[in-house]
C-alpha atoms as a PDB file:
ATOM      1  CA  MET A   1      81.073 150.374 166.564  1.00  0.00           C
ATOM      2  CA  ASN A   2      80.850 153.074 169.396  1.00  0.00           C
ATOM      3  CA  SER A   3      79.985 156.782 169.283  1.00  0.00           C
ATOM      4  CA  LEU A   4      83.352 157.685 169.562  1.00  0.00           C
ATOM      5  CA  ASP A   5      84.846 155.356 166.610  1.00  0.00           C
ATOM      6  CA  LEU A   6      82.217 157.280 164.484  1.00  0.00           C
ATOM      7  CA  GLN A   7      82.865 160.453 165.346  1.00  0.00           C
ATOM      8  CA  VAL A   8      86.470 159.721 164.570  1.00  0.00           C
ATOM      9  CA  ARG A   9      86.045 158.249 161.645  1.00  0.00           C
ATOM     10  CA  GLN A  10      83.750 160.851 160.427  1.00  0.00           C
ATOM     11  CA  GLY A  11      86.458 163.501 161.221  1.00  0.00           C
ATOM     12  CA  PHE A  12      88.948 161.959 159.584  1.00  0.00           C
ATOM     13  CA  LYS A  13      87.211 162.167 156.343  1.00  0.00           C
ATOM     14  CA  SER A  14      85.397 165.158 156.810  1.00  0.00           C
ATOM     15  CA  ALA A  15      88.906 166.351 156.483  1.00  0.00           C
ATOM     16  CA  GLY A  16      89.368 164.518 152.997  1.00  0.00           C
ATOM     17  CA  LEU A  17      91.715 161.835 154.237  1.00  0.00           C
ATOM     18  CA  PRO A  18      90.879 158.563 151.438  1.00  0.00           C
ATOM     19  CA  ASN A  19      88.516 156.387 153.010  1.00  0.00           C
ATOM     20  CA  GLU A  20      90.482 153.601 152.491  1.00  0.00           C
ATOM     21  CA  LEU A  21      93.310 154.630 154.177  1.00  0.00           C
ATOM     22  CA  VAL A  22      91.202 155.702 157.940  1.00  0.00           C
ATOM     23  CA  GLU A  23      89.252 152.038 157.455  1.00  0.00           C
ATOM     24  CA  GLU A  24      93.110 150.826 157.541  1.00  0.00           C
ATOM     25  CA  LEU A  25      94.743 153.171 159.825  1.00  0.00           C
ATOM     26  CA  LEU A  26      91.365 152.659 162.692  1.00  0.00           C
ATOM     27  CA  ASP A  27      90.874 149.252 162.160  1.00  0.00           C
ATOM     28  CA  SER A  28      94.732 148.121 162.899  1.00  0.00           C
ATOM     29  CA  PHE A  29      94.626 150.830 165.497  1.00  0.00           C
ATOM     30  CA  ALA A  30      91.511 149.005 166.906  1.00  0.00           C
ATOM     31  CA  GLN A  31      92.911 145.449 166.523  1.00  0.00           C
ATOM     32  CA  ALA A  32      96.062 145.762 168.314  1.00  0.00           C
ATOM     33  CA  LYS A  33      94.105 147.742 171.527  1.00  0.00           C
ATOM     34  CA  ARG A  34      92.022 144.716 171.542  1.00  0.00           C
ATOM     35  CA  ARG A  35      94.583 142.036 170.769  1.00  0.00           C
ATOM     36  CA  PHE A  36      96.890 143.908 173.470  1.00  0.00           C
ATOM     37  CA  TYR A  37      94.057 143.727 176.343  1.00  0.00           C
ATOM     38  CA  ARG A  38      93.544 140.603 175.695  1.00  0.00           C
ATOM     39  CA  ASP A  39      97.517 139.828 176.141  1.00  0.00           C
ATOM     40  CA  ASP A  40      97.290 138.568 172.504  1.00  0.00           C
ATOM     41  CA  LEU A  41     101.281 140.541 172.280  1.00  0.00           C
ATOM     42  CA  ARG A  42     102.560 138.843 168.719  1.00  0.00           C
ATOM     43  CA  PRO A  43      99.611 139.991 167.053  1.00  0.00           C
ATOM     44  CA  SER A  44      99.933 143.195 169.109  1.00  0.00           C
ATOM     45  CA  MET A  45     102.533 144.134 167.469  1.00  0.00           C
ATOM     46  CA  ILE A  46     102.197 142.683 164.289  1.00  0.00           C
ATOM     47  CA  GLU A  47      98.978 144.975 163.798  1.00  0.00           C
ATOM     48  CA  GLY A  48     101.478 148.067 164.945  1.00  0.00           C
ATOM     49  CA  GLY A  49     103.021 147.513 160.985  1.00  0.00           C
ATOM     50  CA  ARG A  50      99.886 147.501 159.794  1.00  0.00           C
ATOM     51  CA  PHE A  51      99.179 150.641 161.318  1.00  0.00           C
ATOM     52  CA  SER A  52     102.426 152.294 160.324  1.00  0.00           C
ATOM     53  CA  GLU A  53     101.837 151.711 156.811  1.00  0.00           C
ATOM     54  CA  ALA A  54      98.407 153.212 156.992  1.00  0.00           C
ATOM     55  CA  VAL A  55     100.376 156.111 158.656  1.00  0.00           C
ATOM     56  CA  PHE A  56     102.771 156.268 156.315  1.00  0.00           C
ATOM     57  CA  ARG A  57     100.092 156.328 153.208  1.00  0.00           C
ATOM     58  CA  ILE A  58      98.224 159.102 155.362  1.00  0.00           C
ATOM     59  CA  LEU A  59     101.497 161.224 155.677  1.00  0.00           C
ATOM     60  CA  GLN A  60     102.005 161.013 151.810  1.00  0.00           C
ATOM     61  CA  TRP A  61      98.697 161.768 151.077  1.00  0.00           C
ATOM     62  CA  THR A  62      99.137 165.086 152.938  1.00  0.00           C
ATOM     63  CA  THR A  63     101.990 166.026 151.778  1.00  0.00           C
ATOM     64  CA  MET A  64     102.345 165.141 148.196  1.00  0.00           C
ATOM     65  CA  GLN A  65      98.117 164.543 147.605  1.00  0.00           C
ATOM     66  CA  ASN A  66      99.051 161.044 146.566  1.00  0.00           C
ATOM     67  CA  TYR A  67      99.844 157.490 148.178  1.00  0.00           C
ATOM     68  CA  THR A  68     101.124 154.254 147.459  1.00  0.00           C
ATOM     69  CA  ALA A  69      98.634 152.542 146.842  1.00  0.00           C
ATOM     70  CA  ILE A  70      97.353 149.473 149.099  1.00  0.00           C
ATOM     71  CA  GLY A  71      98.921 146.241 148.433  1.00  0.00           C
ATOM     72  CA  LYS A  72     101.805 147.897 147.164  1.00  0.00           C
ATOM     73  CA  THR A  73     105.273 147.890 148.593  1.00  0.00           C
ATOM     74  CA  LEU A  74     105.852 151.146 150.119  1.00  0.00           C
ATOM     75  CA  PRO A  75     109.756 152.452 149.861  1.00  0.00           C
ATOM     76  CA  SER A  76     111.834 152.083 152.500  1.00  0.00           C
ATOM     77  CA  VAL A  77     111.253 153.791 155.929  1.00  0.00           C
ATOM     78  CA  ASP A  78     114.635 155.622 155.305  1.00  0.00           C
ATOM     79  CA  ARG A  79     113.866 156.617 151.766  1.00  0.00           C
ATOM     80  CA  MET A  80     110.051 157.724 153.684  1.00  0.00           C
ATOM     81  CA  LEU A  81     111.771 159.866 156.579  1.00  0.00           C
ATOM     82  CA  ALA A  82     113.916 161.242 154.294  1.00  0.00           C
ATOM     83  CA  THR A  83     111.495 162.400 151.736  1.00  0.00           C
ATOM     84  CA  LEU A  84     108.842 163.805 154.729  1.00  0.00           C
ATOM     85  CA  GLN A  85     111.556 165.909 156.117  1.00  0.00           C
ATOM     86  CA  ASN A  86     111.948 167.795 153.330  1.00  0.00           C
ATOM     87  CA  ALA A  87     108.139 167.980 152.761  1.00  0.00           C
ATOM     88  CA  GLN A  88     106.158 171.260 153.296  1.00  0.00           C
ATOM     89  CA  GLY A  89     104.013 171.127 156.292  1.00  0.00           C
ATOM     90  CA  SER A  90     104.203 170.838 160.278  1.00  0.00           C
ATOM     91  CA  GLU A  91     106.831 169.418 162.133  1.00  0.00           C
ATOM     92  CA  SER A  92     104.729 166.727 163.643  1.00  0.00           C
ATOM     93  CA  VAL A  93     103.839 165.410 159.866  1.00  0.00           C
ATOM     94  CA  ARG A  94     107.405 165.857 158.617  1.00  0.00           C
ATOM     95  CA  LEU A  95     109.731 164.855 161.656  1.00  0.00           C
ATOM     96  CA  HIS A  96     107.485 163.438 164.942  1.00  0.00           C
ATOM     97  CA  ILE A  97     105.223 160.980 163.337  1.00  0.00           C
ATOM     98  CA  PRO A  98     107.770 159.699 160.872  1.00  0.00           C
ATOM     99  CA  ARG A  99     110.217 159.203 163.809  1.00  0.00           C
ATOM    100  CA  THR A 100     107.475 157.628 166.292  1.00  0.00           C
ATOM    101  CA  LEU A 101     106.434 155.103 162.800  1.00  0.00           C
ATOM    102  CA  ARG A 102     110.325 154.153 162.932  1.00  0.00           C
ATOM    103  CA  LEU A 103     110.281 152.952 166.521  1.00  0.00           C
ATOM    104  CA  ILE A 104     107.118 150.857 166.077  1.00  0.00           C
ATOM    105  CA  TYR A 105     108.946 149.508 162.721  1.00  0.00           C
ATOM    106  CA  ASP A 106     112.299 148.745 164.567  1.00  0.00           C
ATOM    107  CA  VAL A 107     110.436 147.182 167.889  1.00  0.00           C
ATOM    108  CA  ARG A 108     108.116 145.153 165.510  1.00  0.00           C
ATOM    109  CA  ASN A 109     111.141 144.056 163.354  1.00  0.00           C
ATOM    110  CA  LYS A 110     114.387 143.900 164.956  1.00  0.00           C
ATOM    111  CA  ARG A 111     113.751 142.952 168.507  1.00  0.00           C
ATOM    112  CA  ASP A 112     114.553 138.831 168.458  1.00  0.00           C
ATOM    113  CA  VAL A 113     113.075 137.485 171.831  1.00  0.00           C
ATOM    114  CA  ALA A 114     114.851 134.283 171.096  1.00  0.00           C
ATOM    115  CA  HIS A 115     118.377 135.761 170.380  1.00  0.00           C
ATOM    116  CA  LEU A 116     117.896 137.746 174.078  1.00  0.00           C
ATOM    117  CA  ALA A 117     120.286 136.480 177.025  1.00  0.00           C
ATOM    118  CA  ASP A 118     118.808 137.736 179.768  1.00  0.00           C
ATOM    119  CA  GLY A 119     115.903 135.289 179.942  1.00  0.00           C
ATOM    120  CA  ILE A 120     113.185 137.758 180.106  1.00  0.00           C
ATOM    121  CA  ASP A 121     110.480 137.651 177.866  1.00  0.00           C
ATOM    122  CA  PRO A 122     110.284 141.439 176.258  1.00  0.00           C
ATOM    123  CA  ASN A 123     106.711 140.797 174.320  1.00  0.00           C
ATOM    124  CA  VAL A 124     104.598 142.642 177.338  1.00  0.00           C
ATOM    125  CA  GLN A 125     107.109 145.897 177.643  1.00  0.00           C
ATOM    126  CA  ASP A 126     107.638 146.103 173.864  1.00  0.00           C
ATOM    127  CA  THR A 127     104.010 145.789 172.847  1.00  0.00           C
ATOM    128  CA  SER A 128     103.226 148.366 175.188  1.00  0.00           C
ATOM    129  CA  LEU A 129     105.732 150.789 173.624  1.00  0.00           C
ATOM    130  CA  VAL A 130     104.144 149.788 170.486  1.00  0.00           C
ATOM    131  CA  ILE A 131     100.168 150.474 171.819  1.00  0.00           C
ATOM    132  CA  ARG A 132     101.583 153.407 173.372  1.00  0.00           C
ATOM    133  CA  ASN A 133     102.971 154.873 170.321  1.00  0.00           C
ATOM    134  CA  MET A 134     100.119 154.210 168.532  1.00  0.00           C
ATOM    135  CA  GLU A 135      97.832 156.026 170.422  1.00  0.00           C
ATOM    136  CA  TRP A 136     100.382 159.032 170.418  1.00  0.00           C
ATOM    137  CA  VAL A 137      99.838 159.118 166.442  1.00  0.00           C
ATOM    138  CA  VAL A 138      96.227 158.616 166.259  1.00  0.00           C
ATOM    139  CA  ALA A 139      95.923 161.266 168.814  1.00  0.00           C
ATOM    140  CA  GLU A 140      98.211 163.551 166.845  1.00  0.00           C
ATOM    141  CA  LEU A 141      96.175 162.689 163.405  1.00  0.00           C
ATOM    142  CA  VAL A 142      93.155 163.720 165.093  1.00  0.00           C
ATOM    143  CA  ARG A 143      94.679 167.275 166.475  1.00  0.00           C
ATOM    144  CA  LEU A 144      95.892 167.681 163.075  1.00  0.00           C
ATOM    145  CA  PHE A 145      92.508 166.440 161.440  1.00  0.00           C
ATOM    146  CA  HIS A 146      89.393 167.497 162.795  1.00  0.00           C
ATOM    147  CA  ASN A 147      87.728 170.479 162.691  1.00  0.00           C
ATOM    148  CA  VAL A 148      86.360 170.505 166.288  1.00  0.00           C
ATOM    149  CA  PRO A 149      86.943 173.394 169.125  1.00  0.00           C
ATOM    150  CA  PRO A 150      89.908 172.671 171.083  1.00  0.00           C
ATOM    151  CA  VAL A 151      87.462 171.055 173.852  1.00  0.00           C
ATOM    152  CA  GLU A 152      86.141 168.744 172.001  1.00  0.00           C
ATOM    153  CA  ALA A 153      89.493 167.491 170.695  1.00  0.00           C
ATOM    154  CA  HIS A 154      90.752 167.206 173.451  1.00  0.00           C
ATOM    155  CA  ARG A 155      87.622 165.282 174.650  1.00  0.00           C
ATOM    156  CA  ILE A 156      88.059 162.604 171.465  1.00  0.00           C
ATOM    157  CA  ILE A 157      92.096 162.407 172.424  1.00  0.00           C
ATOM    158  CA  VAL A 158      91.527 161.630 176.399  1.00  0.00           C
ATOM    159  CA  ASP A 159      89.113 158.868 174.846  1.00  0.00           C
ATOM    160  CA  LEU A 160      91.191 157.561 172.761  1.00  0.00           C
ATOM    161  CA  VAL A 161      94.389 156.666 174.997  1.00  0.00           C
ATOM    162  CA  SER A 162      92.287 155.494 177.549  1.00  0.00           C
ATOM    163  CA  LYS A 163      92.159 151.451 178.475  1.00  0.00           C
ATOM    164  CA  ASP A 164      90.159 149.633 176.249  1.00  0.00           C
ATOM    165  CA  VAL A 165      87.851 147.039 178.353  1.00  0.00           C
ATOM    166  CA  PRO A 166      87.380 143.644 176.360  1.00  0.00           C
ATOM    167  CA  LEU A 167      85.362 142.473 179.566  1.00  0.00           C
ATOM    168  CA  ILE A 168      82.771 144.091 178.465  1.00  0.00           C
ATOM    169  CA  GLN A 169      80.721 143.023 175.258  1.00  0.00           C
ATOM    170  CA  VAL A 170      78.161 146.001 173.829  1.00  0.00           C
ATOM    171  CA  PHE A 171      74.915 144.993 172.588  1.00  0.00           C
ATOM    172  CA  ASP A 172      72.726 147.387 170.548  1.00  0.00           C
ATOM    173  CA  GLY A 173      74.196 150.074 173.151  1.00  0.00           C
ATOM    174  CA  PHE A 174      73.869 147.706 176.368  1.00  0.00           C
ATOM    175  CA  PRO A 175      77.366 146.853 177.871  1.00  0.00           C
ATOM    176  CA  ARG A 176      77.276 143.262 179.064  1.00  0.00           C
ATOM    177  CA  ILE A 177      80.118 142.604 181.883  1.00  0.00           C
ATOM    178  CA  LEU A 178      81.421 139.164 181.144  1.00  0.00           C
ATOM    179  CA  LYS A 179      82.130 138.129 184.644  1.00  0.00           C
ATOM    180  CA  GLN A 180      80.369 138.028 187.673  1.00  0.00           C
ATOM    181  CA  LEU A 181      80.590 140.610 189.893  1.00  0.00           C
ATOM    182  CA  ARG A 182      79.138 141.916 193.342  1.00  0.00           C
ATOM    183  CA  ALA A 183      77.130 145.442 192.984  1.00  0.00           C
ATOM    184  CA  SER A 184      79.939 147.543 194.023  1.00  0.00           C
ATOM    185  CA  ASP A 185      82.784 146.362 191.741  1.00  0.00           C
ATOM    186  CA  HIS A 186      79.787 145.507 188.449  1.00  0.00           C
ATOM    187  CA  PHE A 187      79.983 149.350 189.048  1.00  0.00           C
ATOM    188  CA  LEU A 188      83.285 150.369 189.308  1.00  0.00           C
ATOM    189  CA  VAL A 189      83.770 148.162 186.145  1.00  0.00           C
ATOM    190  CA  LEU A 190      81.070 150.253 183.824  1.00  0.00           C
ATOM    191  CA  LEU A 191      82.195 153.125 185.273  1.00  0.00           C
ATOM    192  CA  TYR A 192      86.083 152.394 184.163  1.00  0.00           C
ATOM    193  CA  TRP A 193      84.578 151.240 181.374  1.00  0.00           C
ATOM    194  CA  ARG A 194      82.774 155.097 180.510  1.00  0.00           C
ATOM    195  CA  GLY A 195      85.985 156.850 181.174  1.00  0.00           C
ATOM    196  CA  PRO A 196      85.534 160.827 181.666  1.00  0.00           C
ATOM    197  CA  ASP A 197      82.300 160.724 180.239  1.00  0.00           C
ATOM    198  CA  GLY A 198      80.564 158.990 183.107  1.00  0.00           C
ATOM    199  CA  ALA A 199      77.284 157.464 183.577  1.00  0.00           C
ATOM    200  CA  THR A 200      74.183 158.583 185.065  1.00  0.00           C
ATOM    201  CA  LEU A 201      72.126 156.979 187.918  1.00  0.00           C
ATOM    202  CA  ASP A 202      69.697 155.613 185.133  1.00  0.00           C
ATOM    203  CA  GLU A 203      72.036 154.382 182.900  1.00  0.00           C
ATOM    204  CA  LEU A 204      73.821 152.870 186.201  1.00  0.00           C
ATOM    205  CA  ARG A 205      70.674 150.929 186.969  1.00  0.00           C
ATOM    206  CA  LYS A 206      69.400 150.011 183.558  1.00  0.00           C
ATOM    207  CA  TRP A 207      73.311 148.435 183.110  1.00  0.00           C
ATOM    208  CA  ALA A 208      72.892 146.436 186.597  1.00  0.00           C
ATOM    209  CA  ARG A 209      72.023 142.909 186.965  1.00  0.00           C
ATOM    210  CA  PRO A 210      68.261 142.714 187.915  1.00  0.00           C
ATOM    211  CA  PRO A 211      69.384 141.708 191.414  1.00  0.00           C
ATOM    212  CA  MET A 212      71.536 145.062 192.024  1.00  0.00           C
ATOM    213  CA  ARG A 213      68.598 147.289 191.155  1.00  0.00           C
ATOM    214  CA  THR A 214      67.158 147.862 193.943  1.00  0.00           C
ATOM    215  CA  ASN A 215      69.942 148.957 195.923  1.00  0.00           C
ATOM    216  CA  VAL A 216      72.072 151.237 193.252  1.00  0.00           C
ATOM    217  CA  ARG A 217      72.272 154.416 195.012  1.00  0.00           C
ATOM    218  CA  ARG A 218      73.172 152.902 198.436  1.00  0.00           C
ATOM    219  CA  THR A 219      75.721 151.065 196.403  1.00  0.00           C
ATOM    220  CA  LEU A 220      76.944 154.191 194.676  1.00  0.00           C
ATOM    221  CA  ASP A 221      76.895 155.570 198.172  1.00  0.00           C
ATOM    222  CA  GLY A 222      79.171 153.109 199.750  1.00  0.00           C
ATOM    223  CA  LEU A 223      81.815 153.993 196.832  1.00  0.00           C
ATOM    224  CA  ASP A 224      81.533 157.218 197.108  1.00  0.00           C
ATOM    225  CA  GLY A 225      82.422 157.254 200.620  1.00  0.00           C
ATOM    226  CA  LYS A 226      85.543 155.543 199.666  1.00  0.00           C
ATOM    227  CA  ASP A 227      86.603 158.066 197.354  1.00  0.00           C
ATOM    228  CA  PHE A 228      86.299 156.004 194.580  1.00  0.00           C
ATOM    229  CA  ILE A 229      83.683 157.409 192.296  1.00  0.00           C
ATOM    230  CA  HIS A 230      82.694 161.198 191.908  1.00  0.00           C
ATOM    231  CA  PHE A 231      79.451 162.716 191.286  1.00  0.00           C
ATOM    232  CA  GLN A 232      78.881 165.944 189.354  1.00  0.00           C
ATOM    233  CA  ARG A 233      76.182 167.416 186.872  1.00  0.00           C
ATOM    234  CA  ASP A 234      74.013 164.175 187.394  1.00  0.00           C
ATOM    235  CA  LEU A 235      77.073 162.130 186.275  1.00  0.00           C
ATOM    236  CA  TYR A 236      79.393 159.382 188.658  1.00  0.00           C
ATOM    237  CA  MET A 237      82.745 159.346 187.347  1.00  0.00           C
ATOM    238  CA  LEU A 238      85.750 157.269 188.621  1.00  0.00           C
ATOM    239  CA  THR A 239      88.371 159.093 190.210  1.00  0.00           C
ATOM    240  CA  HIS A 240      92.260 158.009 190.055  1.00  0.00           C
ATOM    241  CA  LEU A 241      91.727 156.276 193.620  1.00  0.00           C
ATOM    242  CA  GLY A 242      88.592 154.171 192.009  1.00  0.00           C
ATOM    243  CA  GLU A 243      90.715 153.432 188.861  1.00  0.00           C
ATOM    244  CA  ARG A 244      93.795 152.146 190.767  1.00  0.00           C
ATOM    245  CA  GLU A 245      91.121 149.370 193.186  1.00  0.00           C
ATOM    246  CA  VAL A 246      90.194 148.299 189.322  1.00  0.00           C
ATOM    247  CA  GLU A 247      93.249 147.742 187.796  1.00  0.00           C
ATOM    248  CA  ASP A 248      95.142 146.176 191.164  1.00  0.00           C
ATOM    249  CA  ARG A 249      92.310 143.967 192.307  1.00  0.00           C
ATOM    250  CA  LYS A 250      92.640 143.164 188.408  1.00  0.00           C
ATOM    251  CA  LEU A 251      88.934 143.334 187.853  1.00  0.00           C
ATOM    252  CA  LEU A 252      89.070 143.374 184.563  1.00  0.00           C
ATOM    253  CA  GLU A 253      90.297 139.571 183.701  1.00  0.00           C
ATOM    254  CA  PRO A 254      88.276 137.249 182.785  1.00  0.00           C
ATOM    255  CA  GLN A 255      86.646 134.346 185.171  1.00  0.00           C
END
């Protein structure tokens, strides 16, 4: 569990959300994103259903201070939407989040690949829709429940909706790239993983493979010269051009 996970969990729990709902919400969210970026698409959609059920329970608790116990069947989606629409609270709680969950449910339950006649597998587009809507819901819950300054809430939301990098496995804070890359690509992947937080020269040197460590600054200067990275306040960060370089060249794909 990284520092963002801990911060988000603690923020929800500090707002009084029941622990079991916070764990169910974030575990299903993490599992769906992890499977999505490994192209394990159908299970991602299944996690979308589990995620939606956790969020509906959070909305029940928010509006009624009570919720359907985990393990028991929730009311129908139509009934929950009607109940929430007439509840007290913000429009997001009453309308926007429930309607987004309805979309996730419909895509999960009603898009039967076997019955589509155009010969195009909709798994990728459907699962992308589910994942992006899940990201929006979690970000909206952060906005509603986290008692942090707006700038901090914005940073959390940006991090939440950024792409996971399953090519990296973290061992006690050390990011191991599970692929042999040349030095410049190695640092591009690391900075893609770090997102808006960036990384210091010392961090990048520590995370480099031993043969890369003697020329870290020269390698980074070369990436800077191509406008792939930006250096500011002792931090290296990936530019939009650098992000496209990583994605277009499929550097995140396994061996």
